[in-house]
Amino acid sequence: MPTNRSSEWYLPDAQNYKDFIVDVLMFISVQRPEPEEAYHFKVSGTGKNQKLIREHKEQFIDEASLDDKIEYKRDYVAQKKVERARLS
């Protein structure tokens, strides 16, 4: 993610959760080299039967197509240029 730290945590707004997760998964899938580890945590069940489930990256990250990777990297570079210009 933007800080380049090895681990970051985010809590997106409920109404933006799906878009946020899709963006994060795409971001992870186009990284080279791939992250050594990535996990998605979710709550399964209801009431007293709730339990926290950890999914490893192979369980929730689909392999991105070459076109998706190229497009995402192009967009990411453009976004970084705008951010750098704003900070200058």
PDB file of N, CA and C in Angstrom:
ATOM      1  N   MET A   1       0.843  -1.180   0.000  1.00  0.00           N
ATOM      2  CA  MET A   1       0.000   0.000   0.000  1.00  0.00           C
ATOM      3  C   MET A   1       0.888   1.244   0.000  1.00  0.00           C
ATOM      4  N   PRO A   2       0.303   2.414   0.042  1.00  0.00           N
ATOM      5  CA  PRO A   2       1.063   3.640  -0.202  1.00  0.00           C
ATOM      6  C   PRO A   2       2.290   3.889   0.674  1.00  0.00           C
ATOM      7  N   THR A   3       2.329   3.377   1.905  1.00  0.00           N
ATOM      8  CA  THR A   3       3.484   3.662   2.753  1.00  0.00           C
ATOM      9  C   THR A   3       4.630   2.693   2.544  1.00  0.00           C
ATOM     10  N   ASN A   4       4.408   1.648   1.775  1.00  0.00           N
ATOM     11  CA  ASN A   4       5.417   0.617   1.527  1.00  0.00           C
ATOM     12  C   ASN A   4       5.869  -0.094   2.797  1.00  0.00           C
ATOM     13  N   ARG A   5       5.073  -0.064   3.833  1.00  0.00           N
ATOM     14  CA  ARG A   5       5.379  -0.832   5.042  1.00  0.00           C
ATOM     15  C   ARG A   5       4.971  -2.277   4.813  1.00  0.00           C
ATOM     16  N   SER A   6       5.597  -3.176   5.557  1.00  0.00           N
ATOM     17  CA  SER A   6       5.326  -4.597   5.325  1.00  0.00           C
ATOM     18  C   SER A   6       3.928  -5.013   5.745  1.00  0.00           C
ATOM     19  N   SER A   7       3.314  -4.268   6.629  1.00  0.00           N
ATOM     20  CA  SER A   7       1.958  -4.615   7.055  1.00  0.00           C
ATOM     21  C   SER A   7       1.190  -3.334   7.331  1.00  0.00           C
ATOM     22  N   GLU A   8       0.004  -3.252   6.780  1.00  0.00           N
ATOM     23  CA  GLU A   8      -0.853  -2.094   6.989  1.00  0.00           C
ATOM     24  C   GLU A   8      -2.266  -2.564   7.240  1.00  0.00           C
ATOM     25  N   TRP A   9      -3.007  -1.799   8.023  1.00  0.00           N
ATOM     26  CA  TRP A   9      -4.387  -2.138   8.353  1.00  0.00           C
ATOM     27  C   TRP A   9      -5.289  -0.981   7.964  1.00  0.00           C
ATOM     28  N   TYR A  10      -6.424  -1.327   7.411  1.00  0.00           N
ATOM     29  CA  TYR A  10      -7.399  -0.326   6.994  1.00  0.00           C
ATOM     30  C   TYR A  10      -8.780  -0.763   7.454  1.00  0.00           C
ATOM     31  N   LEU A  11      -9.623   0.203   7.747  1.00  0.00           N
ATOM     32  CA  LEU A  11     -11.016  -0.084   8.064  1.00  0.00           C
ATOM     33  C   LEU A  11     -11.870   0.819   7.178  1.00  0.00           C
ATOM     34  N   PRO A  12     -12.214   0.336   5.988  1.00  0.00           N
ATOM     35  CA  PRO A  12     -13.007   1.170   5.073  1.00  0.00           C
ATOM     36  C   PRO A  12     -14.440   1.321   5.562  1.00  0.00           C
ATOM     37  N   ASP A  13     -15.090   2.380   5.115  1.00  0.00           N
ATOM     38  CA  ASP A  13     -16.509   2.563   5.416  1.00  0.00           C
ATOM     39  C   ASP A  13     -17.292   1.376   4.863  1.00  0.00           C
ATOM     40  N   ALA A  14     -18.349   1.007   5.544  1.00  0.00           N
ATOM     41  CA  ALA A  14     -19.144  -0.154   5.142  1.00  0.00           C
ATOM     42  C   ALA A  14     -19.645  -0.024   3.705  1.00  0.00           C
ATOM     43  N   GLN A  15     -20.058   1.174   3.291  1.00  0.00           N
ATOM     44  CA  GLN A  15     -20.600   1.343   1.946  1.00  0.00           C
ATOM     45  C   GLN A  15     -19.509   1.273   0.875  1.00  0.00           C
ATOM     46  N   ASN A  16     -18.252   1.451   1.250  1.00  0.00           N
ATOM     47  CA  ASN A  16     -17.142   1.396   0.289  1.00  0.00           C
ATOM     48  C   ASN A  16     -16.331   0.116   0.402  1.00  0.00           C
ATOM     49  N   TYR A  17     -16.733  -0.799   1.258  1.00  0.00           N
ATOM     50  CA  TYR A  17     -15.927  -1.987   1.553  1.00  0.00           C
ATOM     51  C   TYR A  17     -15.617  -2.814   0.310  1.00  0.00           C
ATOM     52  N   LYS A  18     -16.631  -3.136  -0.474  1.00  0.00           N
ATOM     53  CA  LYS A  18     -16.419  -4.005  -1.638  1.00  0.00           C
ATOM     54  C   LYS A  18     -15.447  -3.367  -2.626  1.00  0.00           C
ATOM     55  N   ASP A  19     -15.628  -2.098  -2.957  1.00  0.00           N
ATOM     56  CA  ASP A  19     -14.727  -1.418  -3.885  1.00  0.00           C
ATOM     57  C   ASP A  19     -13.308  -1.369  -3.330  1.00  0.00           C
ATOM     58  N   PHE A  20     -13.200  -1.105  -2.029  1.00  0.00           N
ATOM     59  CA  PHE A  20     -11.888  -1.044  -1.380  1.00  0.00           C
ATOM     60  C   PHE A  20     -11.170  -2.393  -1.493  1.00  0.00           C
ATOM     61  N   ILE A  21     -11.875  -3.475  -1.165  1.00  0.00           N
ATOM     62  CA  ILE A  21     -11.266  -4.802  -1.197  1.00  0.00           C
ATOM     63  C   ILE A  21     -10.874  -5.190  -2.623  1.00  0.00           C
ATOM     64  N   VAL A  22     -11.726  -4.905  -3.594  1.00  0.00           N
ATOM     65  CA  VAL A  22     -11.395  -5.209  -4.990  1.00  0.00           C
ATOM     66  C   VAL A  22     -10.118  -4.471  -5.392  1.00  0.00           C
ATOM     67  N   ASP A  23      -9.995  -3.210  -5.001  1.00  0.00           N
ATOM     68  CA  ASP A  23      -8.815  -2.422  -5.326  1.00  0.00           C
ATOM     69  C   ASP A  23      -7.573  -2.997  -4.648  1.00  0.00           C
ATOM     70  N   VAL A  24      -7.696  -3.362  -3.388  1.00  0.00           N
ATOM     71  CA  VAL A  24      -6.556  -3.931  -2.655  1.00  0.00           C
ATOM     72  C   VAL A  24      -6.115  -5.247  -3.284  1.00  0.00           C
ATOM     73  N   LEU A  25      -7.065  -6.106  -3.612  1.00  0.00           N
ATOM     74  CA  LEU A  25      -6.711  -7.390  -4.211  1.00  0.00           C
ATOM     75  C   LEU A  25      -6.019  -7.198  -5.555  1.00  0.00           C
ATOM     76  N   MET A  26      -6.489  -6.243  -6.349  1.00  0.00           N
ATOM     77  CA  MET A  26      -5.837  -5.964  -7.627  1.00  0.00           C
ATOM     78  C   MET A  26      -4.424  -5.433  -7.371  1.00  0.00           C
ATOM     79  N   PHE A  27      -4.277  -4.550  -6.396  1.00  0.00           N
ATOM     80  CA  PHE A  27      -2.970  -3.994  -6.062  1.00  0.00           C
ATOM     81  C   PHE A  27      -1.997  -5.106  -5.686  1.00  0.00           C
ATOM     82  N   ILE A  28      -2.449  -6.035  -4.863  1.00  0.00           N
ATOM     83  CA  ILE A  28      -1.589  -7.144  -4.435  1.00  0.00           C
ATOM     84  C   ILE A  28      -1.260  -8.045  -5.621  1.00  0.00           C
ATOM     85  N   SER A  29      -2.239  -8.321  -6.461  1.00  0.00           N
ATOM     86  CA  SER A  29      -2.039  -9.286  -7.547  1.00  0.00           C
ATOM     87  C   SER A  29      -1.063  -8.813  -8.613  1.00  0.00           C
ATOM     88  N   VAL A  30      -0.844  -7.513  -8.729  1.00  0.00           N
ATOM     89  CA  VAL A  30       0.058  -7.013  -9.772  1.00  0.00           C
ATOM     90  C   VAL A  30       1.451  -6.698  -9.248  1.00  0.00           C
ATOM     91  N   GLN A  31       1.710  -6.901  -7.981  1.00  0.00           N
ATOM     92  CA  GLN A  31       3.021  -6.606  -7.426  1.00  0.00           C
ATOM     93  C   GLN A  31       4.060  -7.599  -7.933  1.00  0.00           C
ATOM     94  N   ARG A  32       5.220  -7.111  -8.259  1.00  0.00           N
ATOM     95  CA  ARG A  32       6.341  -7.957  -8.641  1.00  0.00           C
ATOM     96  C   ARG A  32       7.558  -7.465  -7.886  1.00  0.00           C
ATOM     97  N   PRO A  33       8.199  -8.253  -7.092  1.00  0.00           N
ATOM     98  CA  PRO A  33       7.792  -9.631  -6.813  1.00  0.00           C
ATOM     99  C   PRO A  33       6.509  -9.661  -5.982  1.00  0.00           C
ATOM    100  N   GLU A  34       5.801 -10.780  -6.054  1.00  0.00           N
ATOM    101  CA  GLU A  34       4.567 -10.929  -5.283  1.00  0.00           C
ATOM    102  C   GLU A  34       4.886 -10.852  -3.794  1.00  0.00           C
ATOM    103  N   PRO A  35       3.938 -10.357  -2.998  1.00  0.00           N
ATOM    104  CA  PRO A  35       4.154 -10.381  -1.549  1.00  0.00           C
ATOM    105  C   PRO A  35       4.337 -11.828  -1.090  1.00  0.00           C
ATOM    106  N   GLU A  36       5.237 -12.024  -0.134  1.00  0.00           N
ATOM    107  CA  GLU A  36       5.445 -13.384   0.373  1.00  0.00           C
ATOM    108  C   GLU A  36       4.173 -13.922   1.012  1.00  0.00           C
ATOM    109  N   GLU A  37       3.503 -13.070   1.762  1.00  0.00           N
ATOM    110  CA  GLU A  37       2.283 -13.498   2.433  1.00  0.00           C
ATOM    111  C   GLU A  37       1.252 -12.379   2.377  1.00  0.00           C
ATOM    112  N   ALA A  38       0.014 -12.761   2.234  1.00  0.00           N
ATOM    113  CA  ALA A  38      -1.107 -11.823   2.309  1.00  0.00           C
ATOM    114  C   ALA A  38      -2.287 -12.621   2.839  1.00  0.00           C
ATOM    115  N   TYR A  39      -3.018 -12.035   3.756  1.00  0.00           N
ATOM    116  CA  TYR A  39      -4.145 -12.729   4.370  1.00  0.00           C
ATOM    117  C   TYR A  39      -5.388 -11.863   4.351  1.00  0.00           C
ATOM    118  N   HIS A  40      -6.528 -12.510   4.286  1.00  0.00           N
ATOM    119  CA  HIS A  40      -7.820 -11.845   4.428  1.00  0.00           C
ATOM    120  C   HIS A  40      -8.492 -12.482   5.635  1.00  0.00           C
ATOM    121  N   PHE A  41      -8.891 -11.658   6.582  1.00  0.00           N
ATOM    122  CA  PHE A  41      -9.575 -12.148   7.773  1.00  0.00           C
ATOM    123  C   PHE A  41     -11.048 -11.818   7.650  1.00  0.00           C
ATOM    124  N   LYS A  42     -11.901 -12.771   7.999  1.00  0.00           N
ATOM    125  CA  LYS A  42     -13.334 -12.521   7.959  1.00  0.00           C
ATOM    126  C   LYS A  42     -14.002 -13.277   9.095  1.00  0.00           C
ATOM    127  N   VAL A  43     -15.188 -12.809   9.445  1.00  0.00           N
ATOM    128  CA  VAL A  43     -15.975 -13.448  10.495  1.00  0.00           C
ATOM    129  C   VAL A  43     -16.994 -14.359   9.821  1.00  0.00           C
ATOM    130  N   SER A  44     -17.055 -15.591  10.289  1.00  0.00           N
ATOM    131  CA  SER A  44     -18.002 -16.557   9.756  1.00  0.00           C
ATOM    132  C   SER A  44     -18.972 -16.950  10.856  1.00  0.00           C
ATOM    133  N   GLY A  45     -20.223 -17.177  10.490  1.00  0.00           N
ATOM    134  CA  GLY A  45     -21.220 -17.600  11.461  1.00  0.00           C
ATOM    135  C   GLY A  45     -21.939 -16.410  12.082  1.00  0.00           C
ATOM    136  N   THR A  46     -22.855 -16.717  12.987  1.00  0.00           N
ATOM    137  CA  THR A  46     -23.625 -15.677  13.667  1.00  0.00           C
ATOM    138  C   THR A  46     -23.692 -15.965  15.155  1.00  0.00           C
ATOM    139  N   GLY A  47     -23.950 -14.914  15.909  1.00  0.00           N
ATOM    140  CA  GLY A  47     -24.120 -15.063  17.360  1.00  0.00           C
ATOM    141  C   GLY A  47     -22.937 -15.731  18.027  1.00  0.00           C
ATOM    142  N   LYS A  48     -23.218 -16.694  18.889  1.00  0.00           N
ATOM    143  CA  LYS A  48     -22.156 -17.394  19.624  1.00  0.00           C
ATOM    144  C   LYS A  48     -21.331 -18.314  18.726  1.00  0.00           C
ATOM    145  N   ASN A  49     -21.823 -18.581  17.521  1.00  0.00           N
ATOM    146  CA  ASN A  49     -21.117 -19.465  16.588  1.00  0.00           C
ATOM    147  C   ASN A  49     -20.131 -18.721  15.688  1.00  0.00           C
ATOM    148  N   GLN A  50     -19.904 -17.431  15.956  1.00  0.00           N
ATOM    149  CA  GLN A  50     -18.981 -16.665  15.129  1.00  0.00           C
ATOM    150  C   GLN A  50     -17.544 -17.112  15.379  1.00  0.00           C
ATOM    151  N   LYS A  51     -16.794 -17.169  14.307  1.00  0.00           N
ATOM    152  CA  LYS A  51     -15.367 -17.423  14.448  1.00  0.00           C
ATOM    153  C   LYS A  51     -14.617 -16.646  13.378  1.00  0.00           C
ATOM    154  N   LEU A  52     -13.399 -16.303  13.702  1.00  0.00           N
ATOM    155  CA  LEU A  52     -12.543 -15.548  12.790  1.00  0.00           C
ATOM    156  C   LEU A  52     -11.820 -16.537  11.878  1.00  0.00           C
ATOM    157  N   ILE A  53     -11.902 -16.290  10.582  1.00  0.00           N
ATOM    158  CA  ILE A  53     -11.271 -17.170   9.603  1.00  0.00           C
ATOM    159  C   ILE A  53     -10.178 -16.388   8.876  1.00  0.00           C
ATOM    160  N   ARG A  54      -9.019 -17.005   8.756  1.00  0.00           N
ATOM    161  CA  ARG A  54      -7.912 -16.403   8.014  1.00  0.00           C
ATOM    162  C   ARG A  54      -7.749 -17.158   6.705  1.00  0.00           C
ATOM    163  N   GLU A  55      -7.805 -16.431   5.590  1.00  0.00           N
ATOM    164  CA  GLU A  55      -7.585 -17.025   4.277  1.00  0.00           C
ATOM    165  C   GLU A  55      -6.220 -16.577   3.762  1.00  0.00           C
ATOM    166  N   HIS A  56      -5.441 -17.521   3.274  1.00  0.00           N
ATOM    167  CA  HIS A  56      -4.153 -17.197   2.680  1.00  0.00           C
ATOM    168  C   HIS A  56      -4.383 -16.642   1.277  1.00  0.00           C
ATOM    169  N   LYS A  57      -3.421 -15.914   0.742  1.00  0.00           N
ATOM    170  CA  LYS A  57      -3.607 -15.209  -0.528  1.00  0.00           C
ATOM    171  C   LYS A  57      -4.065 -16.100  -1.672  1.00  0.00           C
ATOM    172  N   GLU A  58      -3.638 -17.368  -1.696  1.00  0.00           N
ATOM    173  CA  GLU A  58      -4.060 -18.256  -2.779  1.00  0.00           C
ATOM    174  C   GLU A  58      -5.559 -18.542  -2.734  1.00  0.00           C
ATOM    175  N   GLN A  59      -6.185 -18.315  -1.586  1.00  0.00           N
ATOM    176  CA  GLN A  59      -7.609 -18.581  -1.441  1.00  0.00           C
ATOM    177  C   GLN A  59      -8.482 -17.414  -1.901  1.00  0.00           C
ATOM    178  N   PHE A  60      -7.944 -16.202  -1.940  1.00  0.00           N
ATOM    179  CA  PHE A  60      -8.805 -15.062  -2.252  1.00  0.00           C
ATOM    180  C   PHE A  60      -8.280 -14.151  -3.347  1.00  0.00           C
ATOM    181  N   ILE A  61      -7.075 -14.377  -3.834  1.00  0.00           N
ATOM    182  CA  ILE A  61      -6.545 -13.535  -4.913  1.00  0.00           C
ATOM    183  C   ILE A  61      -6.551 -14.328  -6.201  1.00  0.00           C
ATOM    184  N   ASP A  62      -7.333 -13.868  -7.163  1.00  0.00           N
ATOM    185  CA  ASP A  62      -7.333 -14.489  -8.485  1.00  0.00           C
ATOM    186  C   ASP A  62      -6.125 -13.978  -9.260  1.00  0.00           C
ATOM    187  N   GLU A  63      -5.588 -14.793 -10.116  1.00  0.00           N
ATOM    188  CA  GLU A  63      -4.475 -14.365 -10.958  1.00  0.00           C
ATOM    189  C   GLU A  63      -4.987 -13.302 -11.927  1.00  0.00           C
ATOM    190  N   ALA A  64      -4.337 -12.162 -11.925  1.00  0.00           N
ATOM    191  CA  ALA A  64      -4.733 -11.074 -12.818  1.00  0.00           C
ATOM    192  C   ALA A  64      -4.201 -11.355 -14.228  1.00  0.00           C
ATOM    193  N   SER A  65      -4.972 -10.939 -15.223  1.00  0.00           N
ATOM    194  CA  SER A  65      -4.514 -11.108 -16.607  1.00  0.00           C
ATOM    195  C   SER A  65      -3.400 -10.101 -16.887  1.00  0.00           C
ATOM    196  N   LEU A  66      -2.622 -10.360 -17.920  1.00  0.00           N
ATOM    197  CA  LEU A  66      -1.539  -9.460 -18.289  1.00  0.00           C
ATOM    198  C   LEU A  66      -2.080  -8.068 -18.603  1.00  0.00           C
ATOM    199  N   ASP A  67      -3.206  -7.991 -19.298  1.00  0.00           N
ATOM    200  CA  ASP A  67      -3.811  -6.690 -19.614  1.00  0.00           C
ATOM    201  C   ASP A  67      -4.206  -5.943 -18.347  1.00  0.00           C
ATOM    202  N   ASP A  68      -4.773  -6.674 -17.370  1.00  0.00           N
ATOM    203  CA  ASP A  68      -5.144  -6.040 -16.095  1.00  0.00           C
ATOM    204  C   ASP A  68      -3.908  -5.495 -15.380  1.00  0.00           C
ATOM    205  N   LYS A  69      -2.838  -6.272 -15.394  1.00  0.00           N
ATOM    206  CA  LYS A  69      -1.600  -5.837 -14.727  1.00  0.00           C
ATOM    207  C   LYS A  69      -1.036  -4.583 -15.380  1.00  0.00           C
ATOM    208  N   ILE A  70      -1.000  -4.572 -16.693  1.00  0.00           N
ATOM    209  CA  ILE A  70      -0.474  -3.405 -17.419  1.00  0.00           C
ATOM    210  C   ILE A  70      -1.332  -2.175 -17.146  1.00  0.00           C
ATOM    211  N   GLU A  71      -2.648  -2.337 -17.229  1.00  0.00           N
ATOM    212  CA  GLU A  71      -3.549  -1.202 -16.984  1.00  0.00           C
ATOM    213  C   GLU A  71      -3.419  -0.687 -15.551  1.00  0.00           C
ATOM    214  N   TYR A  72      -3.378  -1.594 -14.606  1.00  0.00           N
ATOM    215  CA  TYR A  72      -3.294  -1.181 -13.204  1.00  0.00           C
ATOM    216  C   TYR A  72      -1.981  -0.466 -12.932  1.00  0.00           C
ATOM    217  N   LYS A  73      -0.884  -0.990 -13.459  1.00  0.00           N
ATOM    218  CA  LYS A  73       0.409  -0.335 -13.235  1.00  0.00           C
ATOM    219  C   LYS A  73       0.436   1.045 -13.875  1.00  0.00           C
ATOM    220  N   ARG A  74      -0.158   1.189 -15.055  1.00  0.00           N
ATOM    221  CA  ARG A  74      -0.219   2.493 -15.715  1.00  0.00           C
ATOM    222  C   ARG A  74      -1.002   3.480 -14.846  1.00  0.00           C
ATOM    223  N   ASP A  75      -2.150   3.042 -14.346  1.00  0.00           N
ATOM    224  CA  ASP A  75      -2.970   3.899 -13.477  1.00  0.00           C
ATOM    225  C   ASP A  75      -2.235   4.235 -12.182  1.00  0.00           C
ATOM    226  N   TYR A  76      -1.530   3.256 -11.629  1.00  0.00           N
ATOM    227  CA  TYR A  76      -0.806   3.457 -10.372  1.00  0.00           C
ATOM    228  C   TYR A  76       0.315   4.480 -10.552  1.00  0.00           C
ATOM    229  N   VAL A  77       1.056   4.375 -11.651  1.00  0.00           N
ATOM    230  CA  VAL A  77       2.130   5.331 -11.928  1.00  0.00           C
ATOM    231  C   VAL A  77       1.549   6.732 -12.112  1.00  0.00           C
ATOM    232  N   ALA A  78       0.440   6.846 -12.837  1.00  0.00           N
ATOM    233  CA  ALA A  78      -0.203   8.150 -13.034  1.00  0.00           C
ATOM    234  C   ALA A  78      -0.650   8.737 -11.700  1.00  0.00           C
ATOM    235  N   GLN A  79      -1.215   7.897 -10.839  1.00  0.00           N
ATOM    236  CA  GLN A  79      -1.656   8.358  -9.520  1.00  0.00           C
ATOM    237  C   GLN A  79      -0.467   8.852  -8.695  1.00  0.00           C
ATOM    238  N   LYS A  80       0.653   8.140  -8.740  1.00  0.00           N
ATOM    239  CA  LYS A  80       1.849   8.542  -7.995  1.00  0.00           C
ATOM    240  C   LYS A  80       2.406   9.862  -8.518  1.00  0.00           C
ATOM    241  N   LYS A  81       2.342  10.084  -9.834  1.00  0.00           N
ATOM    242  CA  LYS A  81       2.821  11.348 -10.390  1.00  0.00           C
ATOM    243  C   LYS A  81       1.978  12.506  -9.878  1.00  0.00           C
ATOM    244  N   VAL A  82       0.671  12.337  -9.832  1.00  0.00           N
ATOM    245  CA  VAL A  82      -0.229  13.381  -9.318  1.00  0.00           C
ATOM    246  C   VAL A  82       0.075  13.637  -7.844  1.00  0.00           C
ATOM    247  N   GLU A  83       0.268  12.567  -7.080  1.00  0.00           N
ATOM    248  CA  GLU A  83       0.557  12.711  -5.648  1.00  0.00           C
ATOM    249  C   GLU A  83       1.888  13.415  -5.429  1.00  0.00           C
ATOM    250  N   ARG A  84       2.907  13.067  -6.227  1.00  0.00           N
ATOM    251  CA  ARG A  84       4.215  13.694  -6.090  1.00  0.00           C
ATOM    252  C   ARG A  84       4.131  15.186  -6.440  1.00  0.00           C
ATOM    253  N   ALA A  85       3.383  15.520  -7.501  1.00  0.00           N
ATOM    254  CA  ALA A  85       3.241  16.922  -7.896  1.00  0.00           C
ATOM    255  C   ALA A  85       2.508  17.715  -6.813  1.00  0.00           C
ATOM    256  N   ARG A  86       1.524  17.094  -6.183  1.00  0.00           N
ATOM    257  CA  ARG A  86       0.765  17.767  -5.119  1.00  0.00           C
ATOM    258  C   ARG A  86       1.657  18.048  -3.915  1.00  0.00           C
ATOM    259  N   LEU A  87       2.596  17.147  -3.614  1.00  0.00           N
ATOM    260  CA  LEU A  87       3.474  17.305  -2.450  1.00  0.00           C
ATOM    261  C   LEU A  87       4.637  18.241  -2.716  1.00  0.00           C
ATOM    262  N   SER A  88       4.917  18.501  -3.984  1.00  0.00           N
ATOM    263  CA  SER A  88       6.070  19.372  -4.331  1.00  0.00           C
ATOM    264  C   SER A  88       5.764  20.825  -4.128  1.00  0.00           C
TER     265      SER A  88
END
